[in-house]
PDB file of N, CA and C in Angstrom:
ATOM      1  N   UNK A   1      -0.255  34.919 -54.050  1.00  0.00           N
ATOM      2  CA  UNK A   1       0.444  36.136 -54.266  1.00  0.00           C
ATOM      3  C   UNK A   1      -0.720  37.080 -54.131  1.00  0.00           C
ATOM      4  N   UNK A   2      -0.197  38.241 -53.422  1.00  0.00           N
ATOM      5  CA  UNK A   2      -1.227  39.388 -53.302  1.00  0.00           C
ATOM      6  C   UNK A   2      -0.817  40.478 -54.524  1.00  0.00           C
ATOM      7  N   UNK A   3      -1.875  41.090 -54.953  1.00  0.00           N
ATOM      8  CA  UNK A   3      -1.471  42.065 -55.960  1.00  0.00           C
ATOM      9  C   UNK A   3      -1.101  43.284 -55.195  1.00  0.00           C
ATOM     10  N   UNK A   4      -0.609  44.610 -55.742  1.00  0.00           N
ATOM     11  CA  UNK A   4       0.129  45.612 -55.605  1.00  0.00           C
ATOM     12  C   UNK A   4      -1.115  46.105 -54.566  1.00  0.00           C
ATOM     13  N   UNK A   5      -2.207  46.272 -54.926  1.00  0.00           N
ATOM     14  CA  UNK A   5      -3.383  47.134 -54.145  1.00  0.00           C
ATOM     15  C   UNK A   5      -3.373  46.400 -52.904  1.00  0.00           C
ATOM     16  N   UNK A   6      -3.669  44.807 -52.900  1.00  0.00           N
ATOM     17  CA  UNK A   6      -4.014  43.979 -51.718  1.00  0.00           C
ATOM     18  C   UNK A   6      -2.800  44.369 -50.718  1.00  0.00           C
ATOM     19  N   UNK A   7      -1.424  44.255 -51.441  1.00  0.00           N
ATOM     20  CA  UNK A   7      -0.159  44.487 -50.681  1.00  0.00           C
ATOM     21  C   UNK A   7      -0.401  45.709 -49.880  1.00  0.00           C
ATOM     22  N   UNK A   8      -0.584  46.629 -50.431  1.00  0.00           N
ATOM     23  CA  UNK A   8      -0.592  48.088 -49.720  1.00  0.00           C
ATOM     24  C   UNK A   8      -1.860  48.195 -49.074  1.00  0.00           C
ATOM     25  N   UNK A   9      -2.968  47.824 -48.961  1.00  0.00           N
ATOM     26  CA  UNK A   9      -3.834  47.775 -48.073  1.00  0.00           C
ATOM     27  C   UNK A   9      -3.548  46.831 -46.815  1.00  0.00           C
ATOM     28  N   UNK A  10      -3.130  45.931 -46.840  1.00  0.00           N
ATOM     29  CA  UNK A  10      -2.475  44.876 -45.829  1.00  0.00           C
ATOM     30  C   UNK A  10      -1.480  45.768 -45.080  1.00  0.00           C
ATOM     31  N   UNK A  11      -0.427  46.485 -45.733  1.00  0.00           N
ATOM     32  CA  UNK A  11       0.552  47.518 -45.420  1.00  0.00           C
ATOM     33  C   UNK A  11      -0.080  48.566 -44.145  1.00  0.00           C
ATOM     34  N   UNK A  12      -1.113  48.802 -44.853  1.00  0.00           N
ATOM     35  CA  UNK A  12      -1.900  50.145 -44.148  1.00  0.00           C
ATOM     36  C   UNK A  12      -2.678  49.783 -42.818  1.00  0.00           C
ATOM     37  N   UNK A  13      -3.139  48.558 -43.085  1.00  0.00           N
ATOM     38  CA  UNK A  13      -3.980  47.570 -41.908  1.00  0.00           C
ATOM     39  C   UNK A  13      -2.996  47.486 -40.571  1.00  0.00           C
ATOM     40  N   UNK A  14      -1.718  47.065 -41.088  1.00  0.00           N
ATOM     41  CA  UNK A  14      -0.997  46.581 -40.105  1.00  0.00           C
ATOM     42  C   UNK A  14      -0.252  48.097 -39.369  1.00  0.00           C
ATOM     43  N   UNK A  15       0.050  49.106 -39.904  1.00  0.00           N
ATOM     44  CA  UNK A  15       0.657  49.994 -39.738  1.00  0.00           C
ATOM     45  C   UNK A  15      -0.059  50.879 -38.472  1.00  0.00           C
ATOM     46  N   UNK A  16      -1.612  50.208 -38.151  1.00  0.00           N
ATOM     47  CA  UNK A  16      -2.419  50.816 -37.317  1.00  0.00           C
ATOM     48  C   UNK A  16      -1.784  50.606 -35.855  1.00  0.00           C
ATOM     49  N   UNK A  17      -1.055  49.191 -35.989  1.00  0.00           N
ATOM     50  CA  UNK A  17      -0.724  48.274 -34.277  1.00  0.00           C
ATOM     51  C   UNK A  17       0.597  49.021 -33.810  1.00  0.00           C
ATOM     52  N   UNK A  18       0.651  48.909 -32.624  1.00  0.00           N
ATOM     53  CA  UNK A  18       1.538  49.532 -31.906  1.00  0.00           C
ATOM     54  C   UNK A  18       1.576  48.392 -30.854  1.00  0.00           C
ATOM     55  N   UNK A  19       3.217  48.310 -30.276  1.00  0.00           N
ATOM     56  CA  UNK A  19       3.327  47.447 -29.053  1.00  0.00           C
ATOM     57  C   UNK A  19       3.599  48.224 -28.039  1.00  0.00           C
ATOM     58  N   UNK A  20       3.445  47.635 -26.887  1.00  0.00           N
ATOM     59  CA  UNK A  20       4.057  48.335 -25.532  1.00  0.00           C
ATOM     60  C   UNK A  20       5.515  47.849 -25.454  1.00  0.00           C
ATOM     61  N   UNK A  21       6.421  48.799 -25.587  1.00  0.00           N
ATOM     62  CA  UNK A  21       7.857  48.359 -25.607  1.00  0.00           C
ATOM     63  C   UNK A  21       8.330  47.958 -26.748  1.00  0.00           C
ATOM     64  N   UNK A  22       9.538  46.824 -26.681  1.00  0.00           N
ATOM     65  CA  UNK A  22       9.739  46.226 -28.243  1.00  0.00           C
ATOM     66  C   UNK A  22       9.373  45.178 -28.079  1.00  0.00           C
ATOM     67  N   UNK A  23       7.914  44.810 -28.382  1.00  0.00           N
ATOM     68  CA  UNK A  23       7.454  43.687 -28.398  1.00  0.00           C
ATOM     69  C   UNK A  23       6.855  43.239 -29.620  1.00  0.00           C
ATOM     70  N   UNK A  24       7.122  43.662 -30.443  1.00  0.00           N
ATOM     71  CA  UNK A  24       6.687  43.372 -32.045  1.00  0.00           C
ATOM     72  C   UNK A  24       7.679  42.885 -32.909  1.00  0.00           C
ATOM     73  N   UNK A  25       7.529  41.654 -33.761  1.00  0.00           N
ATOM     74  CA  UNK A  25       8.541  41.302 -34.389  1.00  0.00           C
ATOM     75  C   UNK A  25       8.394  41.043 -35.515  1.00  0.00           C
ATOM     76  N   UNK A  26       9.234  41.650 -36.531  1.00  0.00           N
ATOM     77  CA  UNK A  26       9.181  41.602 -37.873  1.00  0.00           C
ATOM     78  C   UNK A  26      10.059  40.704 -38.207  1.00  0.00           C
ATOM     79  N   UNK A  27       9.733  39.608 -39.300  1.00  0.00           N
ATOM     80  CA  UNK A  27      10.398  38.555 -39.824  1.00  0.00           C
ATOM     81  C   UNK A  27      10.187  38.596 -41.366  1.00  0.00           C
ATOM     82  N   UNK A  28      11.396  38.894 -42.225  1.00  0.00           N
ATOM     83  CA  UNK A  28      11.230  39.175 -43.736  1.00  0.00           C
ATOM     84  C   UNK A  28      11.978  37.933 -44.242  1.00  0.00           C
ATOM     85  N   UNK A  29      11.390  37.045 -44.939  1.00  0.00           N
ATOM     86  CA  UNK A  29      12.000  35.536 -45.536  1.00  0.00           C
ATOM     87  C   UNK A  29      12.250  35.708 -47.266  1.00  0.00           C
ATOM     88  N   UNK A  30      13.056  35.795 -47.534  1.00  0.00           N
ATOM     89  CA  UNK A  30      13.358  35.722 -49.042  1.00  0.00           C
ATOM     90  C   UNK A  30      13.074  34.530 -49.642  1.00  0.00           C
ATOM     91  N   UNK A  31      12.482  34.639 -51.301  1.00  0.00           N
ATOM     92  CA  UNK A  31      12.250  33.406 -51.716  1.00  0.00           C
ATOM     93  C   UNK A  31      13.444  32.212 -51.389  1.00  0.00           C
ATOM     94  N   UNK A  32      12.810  30.944 -51.437  1.00  0.00           N
ATOM     95  CA  UNK A  32      13.703  29.803 -51.581  1.00  0.00           C
ATOM     96  C   UNK A  32      14.588  29.581 -50.242  1.00  0.00           C
ATOM     97  N   UNK A  33      14.269  30.699 -49.478  1.00  0.00           N
ATOM     98  CA  UNK A  33      15.409  30.665 -48.226  1.00  0.00           C
ATOM     99  C   UNK A  33      14.899  29.196 -47.372  1.00  0.00           C
ATOM    100  N   UNK A  34      15.809  28.547 -46.924  1.00  0.00           N
ATOM    101  CA  UNK A  34      15.447  27.509 -45.993  1.00  0.00           C
ATOM    102  C   UNK A  34      14.827  27.614 -44.843  1.00  0.00           C
ATOM    103  N   UNK A  35      13.113  27.365 -44.461  1.00  0.00           N
ATOM    104  CA  UNK A  35      12.623  27.645 -43.321  1.00  0.00           C
ATOM    105  C   UNK A  35      13.293  27.291 -42.200  1.00  0.00           C
ATOM    106  N   UNK A  36      13.773  26.088 -42.351  1.00  0.00           N
ATOM    107  CA  UNK A  36      14.821  25.361 -41.163  1.00  0.00           C
ATOM    108  C   UNK A  36      15.871  26.385 -40.593  1.00  0.00           C
ATOM    109  N   UNK A  37      16.752  27.125 -41.378  1.00  0.00           N
ATOM    110  CA  UNK A  37      17.175  28.180 -40.956  1.00  0.00           C
ATOM    111  C   UNK A  37      16.936  29.437 -40.152  1.00  0.00           C
ATOM    112  N   UNK A  38      15.619  29.592 -40.355  1.00  0.00           N
ATOM    113  CA  UNK A  38      14.937  30.854 -40.090  1.00  0.00           C
ATOM    114  C   UNK A  38      14.654  30.425 -38.754  1.00  0.00           C
ATOM    115  N   UNK A  39      13.938  29.148 -38.813  1.00  0.00           N
ATOM    116  CA  UNK A  39      13.707  28.535 -37.485  1.00  0.00           C
ATOM    117  C   UNK A  39      14.917  28.363 -36.547  1.00  0.00           C
ATOM    118  N   UNK A  40      15.900  28.159 -36.809  1.00  0.00           N
ATOM    119  CA  UNK A  40      17.259  27.842 -35.938  1.00  0.00           C
ATOM    120  C   UNK A  40      17.516  29.482 -35.500  1.00  0.00           C
ATOM    121  N   UNK A  41      17.378  30.601 -36.402  1.00  0.00           N
ATOM    122  CA  UNK A  41      17.518  31.949 -35.850  1.00  0.00           C
ATOM    123  C   UNK A  41      16.517  32.163 -34.637  1.00  0.00           C
ATOM    124  N   UNK A  42      15.697  31.837 -35.026  1.00  0.00           N
ATOM    125  CA  UNK A  42      14.450  32.290 -34.241  1.00  0.00           C
ATOM    126  C   UNK A  42      14.946  31.476 -32.803  1.00  0.00           C
ATOM    127  N   UNK A  43      15.141  30.206 -32.684  1.00  0.00           N
ATOM    128  CA  UNK A  43      15.451  29.758 -31.392  1.00  0.00           C
ATOM    129  C   UNK A  43      16.508  30.515 -30.915  1.00  0.00           C
ATOM    130  N   UNK A  44      17.550  30.987 -31.427  1.00  0.00           N
ATOM    131  CA  UNK A  44      18.471  31.587 -31.064  1.00  0.00           C
ATOM    132  C   UNK A  44      18.228  32.808 -30.317  1.00  0.00           C
ATOM    133  N   UNK A  45      17.281  33.419 -31.086  1.00  0.00           N
ATOM    134  CA  UNK A  45      16.501  34.807 -30.425  1.00  0.00           C
ATOM    135  C   UNK A  45      15.725  34.660 -29.214  1.00  0.00           C
ATOM    136  N   UNK A  46      15.188  33.537 -29.171  1.00  0.00           N
ATOM    137  CA  UNK A  46      14.133  33.005 -28.236  1.00  0.00           C
ATOM    138  C   UNK A  46      15.077  33.011 -26.804  1.00  0.00           C
ATOM    139  N   UNK A  47      16.150  32.463 -27.027  1.00  0.00           N
ATOM    140  CA  UNK A  47      17.398  32.339 -25.900  1.00  0.00           C
ATOM    141  C   UNK A  47      17.889  33.690 -25.653  1.00  0.00           C
ATOM    142  N   UNK A  48      18.135  34.727 -26.067  1.00  0.00           N
ATOM    143  CA  UNK A  48      18.615  35.883 -26.280  1.00  0.00           C
ATOM    144  C   UNK A  48      17.336  36.623 -25.408  1.00  0.00           C
ATOM    145  N   UNK A  49      16.176  36.574 -25.756  1.00  0.00           N
ATOM    146  CA  UNK A  49      15.052  37.093 -25.217  1.00  0.00           C
ATOM    147  C   UNK A  49      15.215  37.093 -23.723  1.00  0.00           C
ATOM    148  N   UNK A  50      15.512  36.048 -23.331  1.00  0.00           N
ATOM    149  CA  UNK A  50      15.799  35.581 -21.750  1.00  0.00           C
ATOM    150  C   UNK A  50      16.619  36.839 -21.075  1.00  0.00           C
ATOM    151  N   UNK A  51      17.429  37.313 -22.052  1.00  0.00           N
ATOM    152  CA  UNK A  51      18.098  38.819 -21.262  1.00  0.00           C
ATOM    153  C   UNK A  51      17.610  40.031 -21.156  1.00  0.00           C
ATOM    154  N   UNK A  52      16.025  40.083 -21.451  1.00  0.00           N
ATOM    155  CA  UNK A  52      15.345  41.155 -21.357  1.00  0.00           C
ATOM    156  C   UNK A  52      14.961  41.514 -19.915  1.00  0.00           C
ATOM    157  N   UNK A  53      15.418  42.812 -19.794  1.00  0.00           N
ATOM    158  CA  UNK A  53      15.089  43.105 -18.489  1.00  0.00           C
ATOM    159  C   UNK A  53      13.455  43.089 -17.874  1.00  0.00           C
ATOM    160  N   UNK A  54      12.690  43.681 -18.775  1.00  0.00           N
ATOM    161  CA  UNK A  54      11.204  43.698 -18.236  1.00  0.00           C
ATOM    162  C   UNK A  54      10.702  42.148 -18.578  1.00  0.00           C
ATOM    163  N   UNK A  55      10.220  41.702 -17.484  1.00  0.00           N
ATOM    164  CA  UNK A  55       9.809  39.991 -17.135  1.00  0.00           C
ATOM    165  C   UNK A  55       8.643  40.217 -18.316  1.00  0.00           C
ATOM    166  N   UNK A  56       7.590  41.400 -18.475  1.00  0.00           N
ATOM    167  CA  UNK A  56       6.624  41.100 -19.079  1.00  0.00           C
ATOM    168  C   UNK A  56       6.872  41.479 -20.602  1.00  0.00           C
ATOM    169  N   UNK A  57       7.829  42.268 -20.986  1.00  0.00           N
ATOM    170  CA  UNK A  57       8.338  42.307 -22.276  1.00  0.00           C
ATOM    171  C   UNK A  57       8.791  40.975 -22.928  1.00  0.00           C
ATOM    172  N   UNK A  58       9.759  40.481 -21.821  1.00  0.00           N
ATOM    173  CA  UNK A  58      10.276  39.239 -22.192  1.00  0.00           C
ATOM    174  C   UNK A  58       9.254  38.031 -22.557  1.00  0.00           C
ATOM    175  N   UNK A  59       8.438  38.058 -21.852  1.00  0.00           N
ATOM    176  CA  UNK A  59       7.455  36.861 -21.930  1.00  0.00           C
ATOM    177  C   UNK A  59       6.591  37.218 -23.178  1.00  0.00           C
ATOM    178  N   UNK A  60       6.149  38.598 -23.762  1.00  0.00           N
ATOM    179  CA  UNK A  60       5.602  38.916 -24.920  1.00  0.00           C
ATOM    180  C   UNK A  60       6.385  38.305 -25.990  1.00  0.00           C
ATOM    181  N   UNK A  61       7.710  38.853 -25.770  1.00  0.00           N
ATOM    182  CA  UNK A  61       8.524  38.553 -27.088  1.00  0.00           C
ATOM    183  C   UNK A  61       8.862  36.937 -27.471  1.00  0.00           C
ATOM    184  N   UNK A  62       9.020  36.170 -26.352  1.00  0.00           N
ATOM    185  CA  UNK A  62       9.023  34.674 -26.300  1.00  0.00           C
ATOM    186  C   UNK A  62       7.849  34.220 -26.750  1.00  0.00           C
ATOM    187  N   UNK A  63       6.725  34.902 -26.389  1.00  0.00           N
ATOM    188  CA  UNK A  63       5.374  34.252 -27.147  1.00  0.00           C
ATOM    189  C   UNK A  63       5.308  34.384 -28.753  1.00  0.00           C
ATOM    190  N   UNK A  64       5.790  35.962 -29.162  1.00  0.00           N
ATOM    191  CA  UNK A  64       5.679  36.031 -30.134  1.00  0.00           C
ATOM    192  C   UNK A  64       6.549  35.366 -30.916  1.00  0.00           C
ATOM    193  N   UNK A  65       7.924  34.769 -30.482  1.00  0.00           N
ATOM    194  CA  UNK A  65       8.869  34.028 -31.442  1.00  0.00           C
ATOM    195  C   UNK A  65       8.278  32.562 -31.373  1.00  0.00           C
ATOM    196  N   UNK A  66       7.807  32.073 -30.365  1.00  0.00           N
ATOM    197  CA  UNK A  66       6.766  30.891 -30.496  1.00  0.00           C
ATOM    198  C   UNK A  66       5.805  30.611 -31.141  1.00  0.00           C
ATOM    199  N   UNK A  67       4.983  31.677 -31.412  1.00  0.00           N
ATOM    200  CA  UNK A  67       3.813  32.061 -32.534  1.00  0.00           C
ATOM    201  C   UNK A  67       4.475  31.651 -33.679  1.00  0.00           C
ATOM    202  N   UNK A  68       5.487  32.500 -34.121  1.00  0.00           N
ATOM    203  CA  UNK A  68       6.207  32.743 -35.537  1.00  0.00           C
ATOM    204  C   UNK A  68       6.895  31.024 -35.942  1.00  0.00           C
ATOM    205  N   UNK A  69       7.513  30.617 -34.792  1.00  0.00           N
ATOM    206  CA  UNK A  69       8.363  29.478 -35.231  1.00  0.00           C
ATOM    207  C   UNK A  69       6.808  28.053 -35.333  1.00  0.00           C
ATOM    208  N   UNK A  70       5.709  28.319 -34.603  1.00  0.00           N
ATOM    209  CA  UNK A  70       4.572  27.406 -34.881  1.00  0.00           C
ATOM    210  C   UNK A  70       4.181  27.882 -36.304  1.00  0.00           C
ATOM    211  N   UNK A  71       4.055  28.646 -36.696  1.00  0.00           N
ATOM    212  CA  UNK A  71       3.490  29.261 -38.084  1.00  0.00           C
ATOM    213  C   UNK A  71       4.734  28.732 -39.006  1.00  0.00           C
ATOM    214  N   UNK A  72       5.898  28.683 -39.107  1.00  0.00           N
ATOM    215  CA  UNK A  72       6.764  28.094 -39.783  1.00  0.00           C
ATOM    216  C   UNK A  72       6.897  26.805 -39.858  1.00  0.00           C
ATOM    217  N   UNK A  73       6.505  25.832 -39.079  1.00  0.00           N
ATOM    218  CA  UNK A  73       6.305  24.413 -39.126  1.00  0.00           C
ATOM    219  C   UNK A  73       5.323  24.001 -39.947  1.00  0.00           C
ATOM    220  N   UNK A  74       4.439  24.854 -40.155  1.00  0.00           N
ATOM    221  CA  UNK A  74       3.424  24.489 -41.448  1.00  0.00           C
ATOM    222  C   UNK A  74       3.671  25.243 -42.727  1.00  0.00           C
ATOM    223  N   UNK A  75       4.788  25.603 -42.755  1.00  0.00           N
ATOM    224  CA  UNK A  75       5.089  26.303 -44.249  1.00  0.00           C
ATOM    225  C   UNK A  75       6.616  25.549 -44.498  1.00  0.00           C
ATOM    226  N   UNK A  76       6.446  24.349 -45.338  1.00  0.00           N
ATOM    227  CA  UNK A  76       7.719  23.843 -45.679  1.00  0.00           C
ATOM    228  C   UNK A  76       8.821  24.251 -46.666  1.00  0.00           C
ATOM    229  N   UNK A  77       8.028  25.406 -47.371  1.00  0.00           N
ATOM    230  CA  UNK A  77       8.904  26.083 -48.337  1.00  0.00           C
ATOM    231  C   UNK A  77       8.521  27.512 -48.209  1.00  0.00           C
ATOM    232  N   UNK A  78       9.063  28.763 -48.382  1.00  0.00           N
ATOM    233  CA  UNK A  78       8.804  29.998 -48.564  1.00  0.00           C
ATOM    234  C   UNK A  78       8.086  30.138 -50.000  1.00  0.00           C
ATOM    235  N   UNK A  79       6.832  30.976 -49.955  1.00  0.00           N
ATOM    236  CA  UNK A  79       6.449  31.621 -51.186  1.00  0.00           C
ATOM    237  C   UNK A  79       7.517  31.718 -52.373  1.00  0.00           C
ATOM    238  N   UNK A  80       6.635  31.906 -53.403  1.00  0.00           N
ATOM    239  CA  UNK A  80       7.558  32.586 -54.420  1.00  0.00           C
ATOM    240  C   UNK A  80       8.304  33.886 -54.523  1.00  0.00           C
ATOM    241  N   UNK A  81       7.468  34.837 -53.747  1.00  0.00           N
ATOM    242  CA  UNK A  81       8.217  36.106 -53.646  1.00  0.00           C
ATOM    243  C   UNK A  81       8.588  36.116 -52.142  1.00  0.00           C
ATOM    244  N   UNK A  82       8.543  35.418 -51.302  1.00  0.00           N
ATOM    245  CA  UNK A  82       9.057  35.503 -50.019  1.00  0.00           C
ATOM    246  C   UNK A  82       8.007  35.888 -49.239  1.00  0.00           C
ATOM    247  N   UNK A  83       8.183  35.810 -47.806  1.00  0.00           N
ATOM    248  CA  UNK A  83       6.892  36.235 -47.000  1.00  0.00           C
ATOM    249  C   UNK A  83       7.526  37.466 -46.009  1.00  0.00           C
ATOM    250  N   UNK A  84       6.658  38.125 -45.576  1.00  0.00           N
ATOM    251  CA  UNK A  84       6.908  39.129 -44.533  1.00  0.00           C
ATOM    252  C   UNK A  84       6.223  38.721 -43.243  1.00  0.00           C
ATOM    253  N   UNK A  85       6.483  38.212 -42.079  1.00  0.00           N
ATOM    254  CA  UNK A  85       5.707  37.984 -40.930  1.00  0.00           C
ATOM    255  C   UNK A  85       6.002  38.910 -39.759  1.00  0.00           C
ATOM    256  N   UNK A  86       4.687  39.146 -39.378  1.00  0.00           N
ATOM    257  CA  UNK A  86       4.713  40.265 -38.121  1.00  0.00           C
ATOM    258  C   UNK A  86       3.829  39.543 -36.856  1.00  0.00           C
ATOM    259  N   UNK A  87       4.662  39.679 -35.940  1.00  0.00           N
ATOM    260  CA  UNK A  87       3.731  39.141 -34.881  1.00  0.00           C
ATOM    261  C   UNK A  87       4.294  39.869 -33.461  1.00  0.00           C
ATOM    262  N   UNK A  88       3.361  39.846 -32.480  1.00  0.00           N
ATOM    263  CA  UNK A  88       3.571  40.296 -31.211  1.00  0.00           C
ATOM    264  C   UNK A  88       2.153  40.860 -30.220  1.00  0.00           C
ATOM    265  N   UNK A  89       2.588  41.477 -29.379  1.00  0.00           N
ATOM    266  CA  UNK A  89       1.546  41.724 -28.367  1.00  0.00           C
ATOM    267  C   UNK A  89       1.122  43.043 -28.721  1.00  0.00           C
ATOM    268  N   UNK A  90      -0.155  43.055 -29.258  1.00  0.00           N
ATOM    269  CA  UNK A  90      -0.976  44.419 -29.951  1.00  0.00           C
ATOM    270  C   UNK A  90      -1.850  44.962 -28.868  1.00  0.00           C
ATOM    271  N   UNK A  91      -1.979  44.045 -27.385  1.00  0.00           N
ATOM    272  CA  UNK A  91      -2.919  44.899 -26.524  1.00  0.00           C
ATOM    273  C   UNK A  91      -2.230  46.196 -26.271  1.00  0.00           C
ATOM    274  N   UNK A  92      -3.061  46.979 -25.651  1.00  0.00           N
ATOM    275  CA  UNK A  92      -2.495  48.481 -25.069  1.00  0.00           C
ATOM    276  C   UNK A  92      -2.934  48.433 -23.817  1.00  0.00           C
ATOM    277  N   UNK A  93      -3.654  47.190 -23.218  1.00  0.00           N
ATOM    278  CA  UNK A  93      -4.058  47.017 -21.559  1.00  0.00           C
ATOM    279  C   UNK A  93      -2.527  45.937 -21.173  1.00  0.00           C
ATOM    280  N   UNK A  94      -2.004  46.826 -20.111  1.00  0.00           N
ATOM    281  CA  UNK A  94      -0.830  46.104 -19.436  1.00  0.00           C
ATOM    282  C   UNK A  94      -1.290  44.665 -18.819  1.00  0.00           C
ATOM    283  N   UNK A  95      -0.342  43.775 -19.052  1.00  0.00           N
ATOM    284  CA  UNK A  95      -0.899  42.559 -18.264  1.00  0.00           C
ATOM    285  C   UNK A  95      -2.023  41.546 -18.948  1.00  0.00           C
ATOM    286  N   UNK A  96      -2.534  42.225 -20.172  1.00  0.00           N
ATOM    287  CA  UNK A  96      -3.541  41.395 -20.810  1.00  0.00           C
ATOM    288  C   UNK A  96      -2.997  41.246 -22.240  1.00  0.00           C
ATOM    289  N   UNK A  97      -2.186  40.140 -22.125  1.00  0.00           N
ATOM    290  CA  UNK A  97      -1.652  39.753 -23.750  1.00  0.00           C
ATOM    291  C   UNK A  97      -2.610  39.654 -24.884  1.00  0.00           C
ATOM    292  N   UNK A  98      -2.080  40.124 -25.962  1.00  0.00           N
ATOM    293  CA  UNK A  98      -2.967  39.562 -27.175  1.00  0.00           C
ATOM    294  C   UNK A  98      -1.989  39.663 -28.500  1.00  0.00           C
ATOM    295  N   UNK A  99      -1.358  38.253 -28.435  1.00  0.00           N
ATOM    296  CA  UNK A  99      -0.177  38.335 -29.222  1.00  0.00           C
ATOM    297  C   UNK A  99      -0.886  37.759 -30.697  1.00  0.00           C
ATOM    298  N   UNK A 100      -0.617  38.483 -31.404  1.00  0.00           N
ATOM    299  CA  UNK A 100      -1.242  38.171 -32.884  1.00  0.00           C
ATOM    300  C   UNK A 100      -0.353  38.267 -34.021  1.00  0.00           C
ATOM    301  N   UNK A 101      -0.436  37.246 -35.132  1.00  0.00           N
ATOM    302  CA  UNK A 101       0.501  37.286 -36.004  1.00  0.00           C
ATOM    303  C   UNK A 101      -0.247  37.355 -37.482  1.00  0.00           C
ATOM    304  N   UNK A 102       0.428  37.799 -38.231  1.00  0.00           N
ATOM    305  CA  UNK A 102      -0.090  38.340 -39.637  1.00  0.00           C
ATOM    306  C   UNK A 102       1.184  38.255 -40.714  1.00  0.00           C
ATOM    307  N   UNK A 103       0.878  37.852 -41.867  1.00  0.00           N
ATOM    308  CA  UNK A 103       1.580  37.644 -42.788  1.00  0.00           C
ATOM    309  C   UNK A 103       1.229  38.350 -43.819  1.00  0.00           C
ATOM    310  N   UNK A 104       2.436  38.779 -44.835  1.00  0.00           N
ATOM    311  CA  UNK A 104       2.166  39.524 -46.191  1.00  0.00           C
ATOM    312  C   UNK A 104       3.015  38.929 -47.185  1.00  0.00           C
ATOM    313  N   UNK A 105       2.513  38.321 -48.411  1.00  0.00           N
ATOM    314  CA  UNK A 105       3.235  38.150 -49.269  1.00  0.00           C
ATOM    315  C   UNK A 105       3.135  39.151 -50.244  1.00  0.00           C
ATOM    316  N   UNK A 106       4.471  39.738 -50.656  1.00  0.00           N
ATOM    317  CA  UNK A 106       4.657  40.805 -51.396  1.00  0.00           C
ATOM    318  C   UNK A 106       4.792  40.514 -52.873  1.00  0.00           C
ATOM    319  N   UNK A 107       3.930  41.456 -53.660  1.00  0.00           N
ATOM    320  CA  UNK A 107       3.904  41.147 -55.141  1.00  0.00           C
ATOM    321  C   UNK A 107       5.107  40.964 -55.840  1.00  0.00           C
ATOM    322  N   UNK A 108       6.201  41.518 -55.338  1.00  0.00           N
ATOM    323  CA  UNK A 108       7.543  41.333 -55.801  1.00  0.00           C
ATOM    324  C   UNK A 108       8.452  40.577 -55.177  1.00  0.00           C
ATOM    325  N   UNK A 109       9.683  39.871 -55.401  1.00  0.00           N
ATOM    326  CA  UNK A 109      10.256  39.292 -54.520  1.00  0.00           C
ATOM    327  C   UNK A 109      11.008  39.965 -53.710  1.00  0.00           C
ATOM    328  N   UNK A 110      11.087  39.646 -52.579  1.00  0.00           N
ATOM    329  CA  UNK A 110      11.843  40.025 -51.140  1.00  0.00           C
ATOM    330  C   UNK A 110      13.278  40.138 -51.901  1.00  0.00           C
ATOM    331  N   UNK A 111      13.974  41.023 -51.104  1.00  0.00           N
ATOM    332  CA  UNK A 111      15.515  40.985 -51.625  1.00  0.00           C
ATOM    333  C   UNK A 111      16.180  40.966 -50.308  1.00  0.00           C
ATOM    334  N   UNK A 112      15.980  41.270 -49.298  1.00  0.00           N
ATOM    335  CA  UNK A 112      16.627  41.250 -47.880  1.00  0.00           C
ATOM    336  C   UNK A 112      15.642  40.540 -47.040  1.00  0.00           C
ATOM    337  N   UNK A 113      16.597  39.552 -46.460  1.00  0.00           N
ATOM    338  CA  UNK A 113      16.318  38.833 -44.843  1.00  0.00           C
ATOM    339  C   UNK A 113      16.204  39.991 -44.110  1.00  0.00           C
ATOM    340  N   UNK A 114      15.361  39.675 -42.825  1.00  0.00           N
ATOM    341  CA  UNK A 114      15.395  40.706 -42.169  1.00  0.00           C
ATOM    342  C   UNK A 114      14.815  40.067 -40.460  1.00  0.00           C
ATOM    343  N   UNK A 115      15.210  40.599 -39.631  1.00  0.00           N
ATOM    344  CA  UNK A 115      14.732  40.433 -38.437  1.00  0.00           C
ATOM    345  C   UNK A 115      14.562  41.686 -37.534  1.00  0.00           C
ATOM    346  N   UNK A 116      13.600  41.691 -36.877  1.00  0.00           N
ATOM    347  CA  UNK A 116      13.880  43.033 -35.779  1.00  0.00           C
ATOM    348  C   UNK A 116      12.815  43.012 -35.144  1.00  0.00           C
ATOM    349  N   UNK A 117      12.870  43.150 -33.726  1.00  0.00           N
ATOM    350  CA  UNK A 117      12.011  43.434 -32.515  1.00  0.00           C
ATOM    351  C   UNK A 117      11.896  44.964 -31.990  1.00  0.00           C
ATOM    352  N   UNK A 118      10.728  45.436 -32.355  1.00  0.00           N
ATOM    353  CA  UNK A 118      10.415  47.018 -32.286  1.00  0.00           C
ATOM    354  C   UNK A 118       8.776  47.218 -31.488  1.00  0.00           C
ATOM    355  N   UNK A 119       8.605  48.556 -31.364  1.00  0.00           N
ATOM    356  CA  UNK A 119       7.413  49.199 -30.966  1.00  0.00           C
ATOM    357  C   UNK A 119       6.107  49.214 -31.835  1.00  0.00           C
ATOM    358  N   UNK A 120       6.780  49.231 -33.507  1.00  0.00           N
ATOM    359  CA  UNK A 120       5.738  49.425 -34.152  1.00  0.00           C
ATOM    360  C   UNK A 120       6.137  48.495 -35.571  1.00  0.00           C
TER     361      UNK A 120
END
């Protein structure tokens, strides 16, 4: 579990990243929520991503979802306060993907389950 200071510092660092289009994914998982259910939702979102018109954006979103699902396979249960996962292509150079995954463990329990695909 991170302290409030570490939490704020990490969020400040993450706020510097932006994506090209809606390629960045945020997933908030509340404490004790079954990881298998999150993985199932992400598999569904992976399929939905095939409807994205831009092939580059589609590929980057699907790569981010794959990376999150791979991370979740190594996490049998959610941390005590839940976890926030941020993943996506942070490269500012078109055609040169740099898909990164970041996690934040909040100092207090997350109250809301959340999935969003956006540019920040």
